[in-house]
């Protein structure tokens, strides 16, 4: 993910602001030309970002670029002239700034909360939520007020309506991420108890299943689908010691069944030095062979299978075959 090389000055958030460019000797014509040639993307009045170039075939890189673009858009709007007073970035926008992993986030509208009982409204690029902002619920990050990690996770977990098929998975994913970031489970529960919203019931159902050991959105979504199917949840990040090597697996049931989630870029983006994707694939195959040598059954799931709702089927069959459920 490489921002287009430009000579415009950027602020501490990575934003290009008209006042800074003028001070550096650039003109409005320069900015307009850069927008016309798509080197710059206008985010809000007087605020821009550089175009982000990625390989369109690398779906992980594309997703990361979309997240970064939304982060910059959120910060541009939050620091704009129209949002002062007690307003803070919140919901999905705050989650992205905090670095929380999310499942299929909506990245169009920037979310803010006004700290008041009423006054919420939608604009072209933003959604202003009405809601109180107690002192413990807001923090300043690089000079920008945003909701705290716990408040943010609770807000995101309650965004989707209960009938949304992704609501439970999205809630569990953000709770996993919040726990990884050091938030206490009781703090998340207290946030949910303080407010009644359309998504509170689903969020409360997801919270007990959240686990800081989940290391990716795929692991969170996979577990959520298992739980919704009524299957026992796996123990996460279990270690096997075989032939002097330690193999850590994504999920495990009683050391008889192992679950591995193969993400989109597993064999392309996370290679050891000097490795090709084929080397990584071969290394993973030998690791799986070592597990099978102990009599362990290994099931792999993939993002595309989860998209189609078919990832849990082989896990369910293996659990029943092994008498584990």
Protein backbone atom coordinates (compact mmCIF):
# COMPACT_ATOMS: atom_id res chain seq x y z
CA UNK A 1 0.00 0.00 0.00
CA UNK A 2 1.87 3.07 -1.28
CA UNK A 3 0.53 6.64 -1.18
CA UNK A 4 1.28 8.50 -4.41
CA UNK A 5 4.55 10.44 -4.11
CA UNK A 6 3.79 14.15 -3.80
CA UNK A 7 5.68 17.15 -2.51
CA UNK A 8 2.75 18.63 -0.63
CA UNK A 9 3.29 18.94 3.14
CA UNK A 10 1.17 16.69 5.37
CA UNK A 11 -0.01 17.21 8.92
CA UNK A 12 0.50 14.75 11.77
CA UNK A 13 -2.46 12.68 10.60
CA UNK A 14 -1.14 12.30 7.06
CA UNK A 15 -3.63 14.83 5.66
CA UNK A 16 -2.85 17.49 3.09
CA UNK A 17 -4.37 20.83 4.09
CA UNK A 18 -4.78 23.83 1.84
CA UNK A 19 -3.36 26.31 4.37
CA UNK A 20 -0.17 24.26 4.76
CA UNK A 21 0.27 23.88 1.00
CA UNK A 22 -0.16 27.62 0.45
CA UNK A 23 2.42 28.33 3.15
CA UNK A 24 4.77 25.93 1.34
CA UNK A 25 4.42 27.90 -1.90
CA UNK A 26 1.76 25.88 -3.74
CA UNK A 27 -1.30 27.45 -5.33
CA UNK A 28 -4.96 26.54 -5.52
CA UNK A 29 -4.32 25.77 -9.19
CA UNK A 30 -1.74 23.15 -8.13
CA UNK A 31 -4.26 21.52 -5.81
CA UNK A 32 -7.02 21.61 -8.43
CA UNK A 33 -4.71 20.04 -11.01
CA UNK A 34 -3.71 17.28 -8.57
CA UNK A 35 -7.37 16.53 -7.89
CA UNK A 36 -8.17 16.52 -11.60
CA UNK A 37 -5.34 14.08 -12.32
CA UNK A 38 -6.44 11.97 -9.34
CA UNK A 39 -3.18 12.38 -7.47
CA UNK A 40 -5.17 13.95 -4.66
CA UNK A 41 -8.57 12.97 -3.26
CA UNK A 42 -10.62 15.78 -1.75
CA UNK A 43 -12.01 14.71 1.63
CA UNK A 44 -13.69 17.88 2.83
CA UNK A 45 -13.30 21.60 2.35
CA UNK A 46 -9.58 22.38 2.15
CA UNK A 47 -8.45 18.88 3.14
CA UNK A 48 -7.07 16.17 0.85
CA UNK A 49 -5.24 12.86 0.87
CA UNK A 50 -2.82 11.33 -1.56
CA UNK A 51 -4.05 8.58 -3.86
CA UNK A 52 -3.16 5.14 -2.49
CA UNK A 53 -1.76 2.74 -5.09
CA UNK A 54 -2.21 -1.00 -4.55
CA UNK A 55 -2.18 -4.13 -6.65
CA UNK A 56 -5.90 -4.63 -7.45
CA UNK A 57 -5.35 -8.41 -7.44
CA UNK A 58 -4.15 -8.31 -3.81
CA UNK A 59 -7.47 -8.30 -1.98
CA UNK A 60 -5.82 -7.84 1.39
CA UNK A 61 -3.92 -4.79 0.17
CA UNK A 62 -7.09 -3.36 -1.35
CA UNK A 63 -8.94 -3.82 1.96
CA UNK A 64 -6.09 -2.17 3.88
CA UNK A 65 -6.12 0.78 1.46
CA UNK A 66 -9.86 1.21 1.98
CA UNK A 67 -9.36 1.23 5.75
CA UNK A 68 -6.58 3.81 5.51
CA UNK A 69 -8.64 5.99 3.19
CA UNK A 70 -11.54 5.90 5.66
CA UNK A 71 -9.22 6.70 8.58
CA UNK A 72 -8.01 9.80 6.79
CA UNK A 73 -11.54 10.80 5.79
CA UNK A 74 -12.70 10.40 9.40
CA UNK A 75 -9.87 12.55 10.74
CA UNK A 76 -10.42 15.17 8.04
CA UNK A 77 -14.08 15.58 8.96
CA UNK A 78 -13.46 15.38 12.72
CA UNK A 79 -10.93 18.20 12.56
CA UNK A 80 -13.05 20.33 10.23
CA UNK A 81 -14.69 23.61 11.13
CA UNK A 82 -18.19 22.14 11.37
CA UNK A 83 -17.50 19.82 14.29
CA UNK A 84 -16.48 21.51 17.49
CA UNK A 85 -17.66 21.55 21.08
CA UNK A 86 -18.16 18.13 22.64
CA UNK A 87 -18.25 16.20 19.36
CA UNK A 88 -16.03 13.11 19.14
CA UNK A 89 -15.31 10.54 16.48
CA UNK A 90 -17.24 7.40 17.33
CA UNK A 91 -18.51 4.02 16.14
CA UNK A 92 -16.75 2.68 13.02
CA UNK A 93 -14.64 5.83 12.61
CA UNK A 94 -13.29 5.61 16.15
CA UNK A 95 -12.65 1.89 15.74
CA UNK A 96 -10.55 2.48 12.64
CA UNK A 97 -8.53 5.22 14.34
CA UNK A 98 -7.99 2.95 17.35
CA UNK A 99 -6.85 0.16 15.02
CA UNK A 100 -9.61 -2.27 15.99
CA UNK A 101 -10.24 -5.07 13.49
CA UNK A 102 -13.77 -5.06 12.08
CA UNK A 103 -15.81 -7.47 9.98
CA UNK A 104 -17.16 -5.94 6.78
CA UNK A 105 -17.36 -2.37 8.09
CA UNK A 106 -19.40 0.23 6.25
CA UNK A 107 -16.85 2.81 5.12
CA UNK A 108 -18.96 5.54 3.57
CA UNK A 109 -20.22 7.77 6.38
CA UNK A 110 -17.93 9.16 9.07
CA UNK A 111 -19.45 8.63 12.52
CA UNK A 112 -19.41 11.25 15.26
CA UNK A 113 -21.27 11.61 18.58
CA UNK A 114 -22.33 15.03 19.84
CA UNK A 115 -22.43 14.46 23.60
CA UNK A 116 -26.06 15.57 23.81
CA UNK A 117 -29.46 13.94 24.27
CA UNK A 118 -30.70 15.11 20.88
CA UNK A 119 -29.46 16.77 17.73
CA UNK A 120 -28.33 13.77 15.72
CA UNK A 121 -28.37 14.25 11.95
CA UNK A 122 -27.06 12.83 8.73
CA UNK A 123 -24.99 14.77 6.22
CA UNK A 124 -23.49 13.88 2.86
CA UNK A 125 -20.30 12.40 4.30
CA UNK A 126 -21.06 11.99 7.99
CA UNK A 127 -23.55 10.73 10.54
CA UNK A 128 -23.80 12.67 13.79
CA UNK A 129 -25.19 10.49 16.59
CA UNK A 130 -26.95 11.95 19.59
CA UNK A 131 -25.63 10.54 22.85
CA UNK A 132 -23.97 11.44 26.11
CA UNK A 133 -20.17 11.38 26.34
CA UNK A 134 -19.12 10.98 29.98
CA UNK A 135 -15.47 11.92 30.67
CA UNK A 136 -14.37 8.28 30.78
CA UNK A 137 -15.89 7.59 27.39
CA UNK A 138 -13.68 9.96 25.38
CA UNK A 139 -9.93 10.11 24.85
CA UNK A 140 -7.67 12.39 22.82
CA UNK A 141 -5.60 10.69 20.12
CA UNK A 142 -3.11 12.92 18.31
CA UNK A 143 -5.17 15.94 19.24
CA UNK A 144 -8.52 14.47 18.13
CA UNK A 145 -11.30 13.55 20.55
CA UNK A 146 -12.60 10.03 19.94
CA UNK A 147 -14.62 7.61 22.00
CA UNK A 148 -12.66 5.26 24.27
CA UNK A 149 -11.85 1.70 23.24
CA UNK A 150 -14.61 0.23 25.41
CA UNK A 151 -17.24 2.76 24.32
CA UNK A 152 -16.19 2.36 20.68
CA UNK A 153 -16.42 -1.44 20.78
CA UNK A 154 -19.85 -1.30 22.42
CA UNK A 155 -21.11 1.24 19.86
CA UNK A 156 -19.87 -0.82 16.91
CA UNK A 157 -21.30 -4.04 18.38
CA UNK A 158 -24.75 -2.42 18.50
CA UNK A 159 -24.70 -0.81 15.05
CA UNK A 160 -26.34 -3.63 13.08
CA UNK A 161 -30.01 -4.44 13.62
CA UNK A 162 -30.73 -7.77 15.26
CA UNK A 163 -32.11 -9.25 12.03
CA UNK A 164 -28.85 -8.60 10.16
CA UNK A 165 -27.23 -12.03 9.60
CA UNK A 166 -23.79 -10.51 10.30
CA UNK A 167 -24.77 -8.74 13.54
CA UNK A 168 -23.53 -11.45 15.93
CA UNK A 169 -20.30 -11.99 14.00
CA UNK A 170 -19.58 -8.27 13.76
CA UNK A 171 -20.15 -7.83 17.49
CA UNK A 172 -17.90 -10.73 18.40
CA UNK A 173 -15.18 -9.54 16.02
CA UNK A 174 -14.98 -6.07 17.57
CA UNK A 175 -15.13 -7.51 21.09
CA UNK A 176 -12.26 -9.89 20.27
CA UNK A 177 -10.28 -6.89 19.01
CA UNK A 178 -11.07 -4.79 22.08
CA UNK A 179 -9.97 -7.56 24.43
CA UNK A 180 -6.73 -7.92 22.43
CA UNK A 181 -6.21 -4.18 22.88
CA UNK A 182 -6.41 -4.57 26.66
CA UNK A 183 -10.03 -3.65 27.39
CA UNK A 184 -11.54 -5.48 30.34
CA UNK A 185 -14.58 -7.66 29.62
CA UNK A 186 -16.44 -6.17 32.59
CA UNK A 187 -15.91 -2.69 31.12
CA UNK A 188 -17.51 -3.81 27.88
CA UNK A 189 -20.43 -5.33 29.78
CA UNK A 190 -20.90 -2.09 31.72
CA UNK A 191 -21.03 -0.14 28.46
CA UNK A 192 -23.78 -2.42 27.15
CA UNK A 193 -25.73 -2.18 30.41
CA UNK A 194 -25.73 1.60 30.26
CA UNK A 195 -27.65 1.94 27.02
CA UNK A 196 -30.60 0.30 25.33
CA UNK A 197 -30.34 0.21 21.56
CA UNK A 198 -31.61 -1.91 18.74
CA UNK A 199 -28.46 -4.05 18.68
CA UNK A 200 -27.92 -4.43 22.43
CA UNK A 201 -29.44 -7.91 22.70
CA UNK A 202 -27.17 -9.36 20.01
CA UNK A 203 -24.12 -7.57 21.44
CA UNK A 204 -24.81 -8.99 24.90
CA UNK A 205 -25.16 -12.46 23.41
CA UNK A 206 -21.79 -12.13 21.63
CA UNK A 207 -19.72 -10.70 24.50
CA UNK A 208 -19.37 -13.91 26.59
CA UNK A 209 -17.88 -15.68 23.56
CA UNK A 210 -15.29 -12.98 22.84
CA UNK A 211 -11.67 -14.07 23.21
CA UNK A 212 -8.54 -11.92 23.05
CA UNK A 213 -6.61 -14.90 21.64
CA UNK A 214 -8.40 -14.61 18.29
CA UNK A 215 -5.74 -13.14 16.02
CA UNK A 216 -7.70 -12.11 12.93
CA UNK A 217 -11.10 -11.15 11.63
CA UNK A 218 -11.27 -14.55 9.94
CA UNK A 219 -10.76 -16.37 13.22
CA UNK A 220 -13.47 -14.28 14.86
CA UNK A 221 -15.93 -14.77 12.02
CA UNK A 222 -15.23 -18.49 11.82
CA UNK A 223 -15.85 -18.97 15.54
CA UNK A 224 -19.01 -16.89 15.37
CA UNK A 225 -20.38 -19.10 12.61
CA UNK A 226 -19.60 -22.22 14.68
CA UNK A 227 -21.35 -20.77 17.73
CA UNK A 228 -24.40 -19.78 15.70
CA UNK A 229 -24.53 -23.33 14.34
CA UNK A 230 -24.65 -24.59 17.94
CA UNK A 231 -21.19 -26.20 17.84
CA UNK A 232 -18.67 -26.13 20.69
CA UNK A 233 -16.18 -23.30 20.35
CA UNK A 234 -12.54 -24.34 19.92
CA UNK A 235 -9.70 -23.58 22.30
CA UNK A 236 -7.60 -20.92 20.59
CA UNK A 237 -3.86 -20.77 19.88
CA UNK A 238 -3.08 -24.25 21.24
CA UNK A 239 0.53 -25.38 20.95
CA UNK A 240 1.75 -28.76 19.76
CA UNK A 241 5.37 -29.78 20.33
CA UNK A 242 6.48 -32.20 17.61
CA UNK A 243 10.02 -33.22 16.71
CA UNK A 244 11.60 -30.35 18.56
CA UNK A 245 9.33 -27.78 16.91
CA UNK A 246 6.37 -25.88 18.33
CA UNK A 247 3.29 -25.64 16.14
CA UNK A 248 0.53 -23.26 17.22
CA UNK A 249 -2.91 -23.84 15.75
CA UNK A 250 -5.82 -21.44 15.39
CA UNK A 251 -8.36 -23.68 17.09
CA UNK A 252 -8.41 -27.05 18.81
CA UNK A 253 -10.88 -29.51 20.30
CA UNK A 254 -9.36 -31.84 22.92
CA UNK A 255 -6.20 -32.32 20.83
CA UNK A 256 -8.17 -34.46 18.43
CA UNK A 257 -9.42 -31.90 15.96
CA UNK A 258 -7.55 -28.82 14.73
CA UNK A 259 -9.04 -25.86 12.89
CA UNK A 260 -6.92 -23.59 10.73
CA UNK A 261 -8.17 -20.44 9.05
CA UNK A 262 -6.36 -19.68 5.81
CA UNK A 263 -6.70 -15.98 5.16
CA UNK A 264 -6.56 -14.28 1.81
CA UNK A 265 -2.86 -13.49 1.93
CA UNK A 266 -1.45 -16.34 3.99
CA UNK A 267 0.79 -17.71 1.24
CA UNK A 268 1.63 -14.37 -0.35
CA UNK A 269 2.05 -11.57 2.16
CA UNK A 270 3.55 -13.18 5.26
CA UNK A 271 6.60 -14.97 3.97
CA UNK A 272 9.86 -15.71 5.73
CA UNK A 273 12.89 -13.97 4.28
CA UNK A 274 13.73 -15.41 0.87
CA UNK A 275 10.51 -17.45 0.68
CA UNK A 276 8.21 -17.70 -2.31
CA UNK A 277 4.48 -18.42 -1.86
CA UNK A 278 5.12 -22.02 -2.93
CA UNK A 279 7.69 -22.35 -0.12
CA UNK A 280 5.18 -21.09 2.42
CA UNK A 281 2.57 -23.52 1.11
CA UNK A 282 5.03 -26.41 1.40
CA UNK A 283 6.01 -25.33 4.92
CA UNK A 284 2.36 -25.28 5.94
CA UNK A 285 1.79 -28.71 4.40
CA UNK A 286 4.67 -30.21 6.40
CA UNK A 287 3.25 -28.61 9.54
CA UNK A 288 -0.12 -30.20 8.85
CA UNK A 289 1.52 -33.58 8.17
CA UNK A 290 3.25 -33.34 11.55
CA UNK A 291 -0.11 -32.79 13.25
CA UNK A 292 -1.71 -35.66 11.37
CA UNK A 293 1.15 -37.93 12.45
CA UNK A 294 -0.22 -37.61 15.99
CA UNK A 295 -3.62 -38.77 14.84
CA UNK A 296 -5.04 -35.25 14.87
CA UNK A 297 -7.74 -34.44 12.33
CA UNK A 298 -7.13 -31.09 10.59
CA UNK A 299 -9.84 -28.96 8.97
CA UNK A 300 -9.08 -25.77 7.06
CA UNK A 301 -11.56 -23.00 6.32
CA UNK A 302 -11.25 -20.17 3.85
CA UNK A 303 -12.69 -16.68 3.53
CA UNK A 304 -14.65 -17.53 0.40
CA UNK A 305 -16.30 -20.47 2.18
CA UNK A 306 -17.31 -18.21 5.06
CA UNK A 307 -18.79 -15.75 2.59
CA UNK A 308 -20.99 -18.56 1.26
CA UNK A 309 -21.85 -19.91 4.73
CA UNK A 310 -20.14 -23.23 4.01
CA UNK A 311 -17.04 -23.01 6.21
CA UNK A 312 -18.62 -24.68 9.22
CA UNK A 313 -19.91 -27.75 7.34
CA UNK A 314 -16.63 -29.76 7.40
CA UNK A 315 -16.01 -28.76 11.02
CA UNK A 316 -19.45 -29.97 12.03
CA UNK A 317 -18.93 -33.28 10.23
CA UNK A 318 -15.55 -33.80 11.90
CA UNK A 319 -16.89 -32.95 15.37
CA UNK A 320 -19.67 -35.51 15.02
CA UNK A 321 -17.38 -38.10 13.46
CA UNK A 322 -14.96 -37.77 16.39
CA UNK A 323 -17.72 -37.72 19.02
CA UNK A 324 -16.80 -34.19 20.13
CA UNK A 325 -20.34 -32.84 20.04
